């Protein structure tokens, strides 16, 4: 399935302004905002956090499956898809990240 098809199966994110990704010390390493161009990533990371509790290697593998065709593009073009690059790094052994929901007001 394509990324667009996979997105339709994920929980809604209208209640979220962003997903904040935190390292083991609680420091922010990324902020993914719910806006055009990154809303799909908010949906993916939200789903992974809800399903796995944090962005673990297992969660990263599932996320790469959800990103579908974009995962291959990210592998071929490092830096082009930072939210996918992060999952590739975690899948390869980088430390897991905790996701913190930033709710819309």
C-alpha atoms as a PDB file:
ATOM      1  CA  UNK A   1       0.000   0.000   0.000  1.00  0.00           C
ATOM      2  CA  UNK A   2       1.013   3.582  -0.559  1.00  0.00           C
ATOM      3  CA  UNK A   3       1.709   6.134   2.147  1.00  0.00           C
ATOM      4  CA  UNK A   4      -1.553   7.945   1.314  1.00  0.00           C
ATOM      5  CA  UNK A   5      -3.511   4.697   1.729  1.00  0.00           C
ATOM      6  CA  UNK A   6      -1.724   3.896   4.998  1.00  0.00           C
ATOM      7  CA  UNK A   7      -2.457   7.379   6.382  1.00  0.00           C
ATOM      8  CA  UNK A   8      -6.193   6.808   5.981  1.00  0.00           C
ATOM      9  CA  UNK A   9      -5.955   3.921   8.469  1.00  0.00           C
ATOM     10  CA  UNK A  10      -4.245   5.932  11.222  1.00  0.00           C
ATOM     11  CA  UNK A  11      -6.048   7.702  14.082  1.00  0.00           C
ATOM     12  CA  UNK A  12      -7.036  11.337  13.532  1.00  0.00           C
ATOM     13  CA  UNK A  13      -4.705  14.088  14.705  1.00  0.00           C
ATOM     14  CA  UNK A  14      -6.922  17.196  14.647  1.00  0.00           C
ATOM     15  CA  UNK A  15      -6.477  17.477  18.433  1.00  0.00           C
ATOM     16  CA  UNK A  16      -2.679  17.753  18.092  1.00  0.00           C
ATOM     17  CA  UNK A  17      -0.621  20.859  17.383  1.00  0.00           C
ATOM     18  CA  UNK A  18       2.628  18.871  17.270  1.00  0.00           C
ATOM     19  CA  UNK A  19       4.581  15.844  18.453  1.00  0.00           C
ATOM     20  CA  UNK A  20       7.682  16.601  20.491  1.00  0.00           C
ATOM     21  CA  UNK A  21      10.399  13.926  20.425  1.00  0.00           C
ATOM     22  CA  UNK A  22      12.523  13.637  23.547  1.00  0.00           C
ATOM     23  CA  UNK A  23      15.756  11.772  24.250  1.00  0.00           C
ATOM     24  CA  UNK A  24      16.440   9.687  27.366  1.00  0.00           C
ATOM     25  CA  UNK A  25      17.327  12.842  29.336  1.00  0.00           C
ATOM     26  CA  UNK A  26      14.064  14.525  28.359  1.00  0.00           C
ATOM     27  CA  UNK A  27      15.693  16.962  25.941  1.00  0.00           C
ATOM     28  CA  UNK A  28      13.787  17.842  22.778  1.00  0.00           C
ATOM     29  CA  UNK A  29      15.487  16.439  19.690  1.00  0.00           C
ATOM     30  CA  UNK A  30      12.682  17.270  17.245  1.00  0.00           C
ATOM     31  CA  UNK A  31       9.312  18.974  16.987  1.00  0.00           C
ATOM     32  CA  UNK A  32       6.973  17.781  14.242  1.00  0.00           C
ATOM     33  CA  UNK A  33       4.198  20.307  13.722  1.00  0.00           C
ATOM     34  CA  UNK A  34       0.707  19.464  12.533  1.00  0.00           C
ATOM     35  CA  UNK A  35       0.766  21.607   9.409  1.00  0.00           C
ATOM     36  CA  UNK A  36       0.841  20.983   5.662  1.00  0.00           C
ATOM     37  CA  UNK A  37       3.964  19.055   4.728  1.00  0.00           C
ATOM     38  CA  UNK A  38       4.390  17.396   8.109  1.00  0.00           C
ATOM     39  CA  UNK A  39       0.865  16.425   9.212  1.00  0.00           C
ATOM     40  CA  UNK A  40       1.407  12.924   7.820  1.00  0.00           C
ATOM     41  CA  UNK A  41       4.476  12.538  10.020  1.00  0.00           C
ATOM     42  CA  UNK A  42       2.483  13.696  13.050  1.00  0.00           C
ATOM     43  CA  UNK A  43      -0.057  10.970  12.259  1.00  0.00           C
ATOM     44  CA  UNK A  44       2.668   8.320  11.894  1.00  0.00           C
ATOM     45  CA  UNK A  45       4.564   9.277  15.061  1.00  0.00           C
ATOM     46  CA  UNK A  46       1.292   9.605  17.013  1.00  0.00           C
ATOM     47  CA  UNK A  47       0.296   6.090  15.950  1.00  0.00           C
ATOM     48  CA  UNK A  48       3.718   4.685  16.820  1.00  0.00           C
ATOM     49  CA  UNK A  49       3.699   6.341  20.250  1.00  0.00           C
ATOM     50  CA  UNK A  50       0.202   5.057  20.991  1.00  0.00           C
ATOM     51  CA  UNK A  51       1.014   1.538  19.807  1.00  0.00           C
ATOM     52  CA  UNK A  52       4.572   1.069  21.141  1.00  0.00           C
ATOM     53  CA  UNK A  53       4.789   3.608  23.989  1.00  0.00           C
ATOM     54  CA  UNK A  54       7.893   5.220  22.469  1.00  0.00           C
ATOM     55  CA  UNK A  55       9.811   5.253  19.202  1.00  0.00           C
ATOM     56  CA  UNK A  56      11.725   1.994  19.622  1.00  0.00           C
ATOM     57  CA  UNK A  57      13.488  -0.028  16.910  1.00  0.00           C
ATOM     58  CA  UNK A  58      10.315  -2.116  16.519  1.00  0.00           C
ATOM     59  CA  UNK A  59       8.202   1.046  16.242  1.00  0.00           C
ATOM     60  CA  UNK A  60      10.673   2.513  13.735  1.00  0.00           C
ATOM     61  CA  UNK A  61      10.382  -0.582  11.551  1.00  0.00           C
ATOM     62  CA  UNK A  62       6.587  -0.266  11.542  1.00  0.00           C
ATOM     63  CA  UNK A  63       6.855   3.449  10.795  1.00  0.00           C
ATOM     64  CA  UNK A  64       9.050   2.737   7.788  1.00  0.00           C
ATOM     65  CA  UNK A  65       6.393   0.326   6.527  1.00  0.00           C
ATOM     66  CA  UNK A  66       3.721   3.019   6.938  1.00  0.00           C
ATOM     67  CA  UNK A  67       5.817   5.582   5.048  1.00  0.00           C
ATOM     68  CA  UNK A  68       5.896   3.016   2.204  1.00  0.00           C
ATOM     69  CA  UNK A  69       7.399   4.485  -0.983  1.00  0.00           C
ATOM     70  CA  UNK A  70       8.826   7.462   0.915  1.00  0.00           C
ATOM     71  CA  UNK A  71      11.043   5.153   2.999  1.00  0.00           C
ATOM     72  CA  UNK A  72      12.879   3.956  -0.092  1.00  0.00           C
ATOM     73  CA  UNK A  73      13.275   7.564  -1.281  1.00  0.00           C
ATOM     74  CA  UNK A  74      14.707   8.460   2.137  1.00  0.00           C
ATOM     75  CA  UNK A  75      17.210   5.591   1.920  1.00  0.00           C
ATOM     76  CA  UNK A  76      18.340   6.787  -1.506  1.00  0.00           C
ATOM     77  CA  UNK A  77      18.399  10.486  -0.548  1.00  0.00           C
ATOM     78  CA  UNK A  78      19.623  10.972   3.045  1.00  0.00           C
ATOM     79  CA  UNK A  79      18.474  14.305   4.468  1.00  0.00           C
ATOM     80  CA  UNK A  80      15.492  14.667   2.140  1.00  0.00           C
ATOM     81  CA  UNK A  81      13.014  13.182   4.662  1.00  0.00           C
ATOM     82  CA  UNK A  82      14.270  13.984   8.193  1.00  0.00           C
ATOM     83  CA  UNK A  83      11.325  12.320   9.955  1.00  0.00           C
ATOM     84  CA  UNK A  84      11.972   9.093   8.047  1.00  0.00           C
ATOM     85  CA  UNK A  85      15.752   9.436   8.469  1.00  0.00           C
ATOM     86  CA  UNK A  86      15.157   9.468  12.240  1.00  0.00           C
ATOM     87  CA  UNK A  87      13.284   6.147  12.018  1.00  0.00           C
ATOM     88  CA  UNK A  88      16.056   4.635   9.880  1.00  0.00           C
ATOM     89  CA  UNK A  89      18.600   5.666  12.535  1.00  0.00           C
ATOM     90  CA  UNK A  90      16.550   4.177  15.374  1.00  0.00           C
ATOM     91  CA  UNK A  91      15.965   0.976  13.420  1.00  0.00           C
ATOM     92  CA  UNK A  92      19.757   0.774  12.949  1.00  0.00           C
ATOM     93  CA  UNK A  93      20.425   1.104  16.692  1.00  0.00           C
ATOM     94  CA  UNK A  94      20.160   4.783  17.646  1.00  0.00           C
ATOM     95  CA  UNK A  95      18.509   5.348  21.047  1.00  0.00           C
ATOM     96  CA  UNK A  96      14.722   5.230  21.270  1.00  0.00           C
ATOM     97  CA  UNK A  97      12.815   8.489  21.618  1.00  0.00           C
ATOM     98  CA  UNK A  98       9.819   9.396  23.730  1.00  0.00           C
ATOM     99  CA  UNK A  99       6.930  11.178  22.033  1.00  0.00           C
ATOM    100  CA  UNK A 100       5.119  13.961  23.860  1.00  0.00           C
ATOM    101  CA  UNK A 101       1.825  15.191  22.470  1.00  0.00           C
ATOM    102  CA  UNK A 102       1.369  18.929  22.138  1.00  0.00           C
ATOM    103  CA  UNK A 103      -2.362  19.486  22.123  1.00  0.00           C
ATOM    104  CA  UNK A 104      -4.117  22.088  19.957  1.00  0.00           C
ATOM    105  CA  UNK A 105      -5.777  24.904  21.860  1.00  0.00           C
END
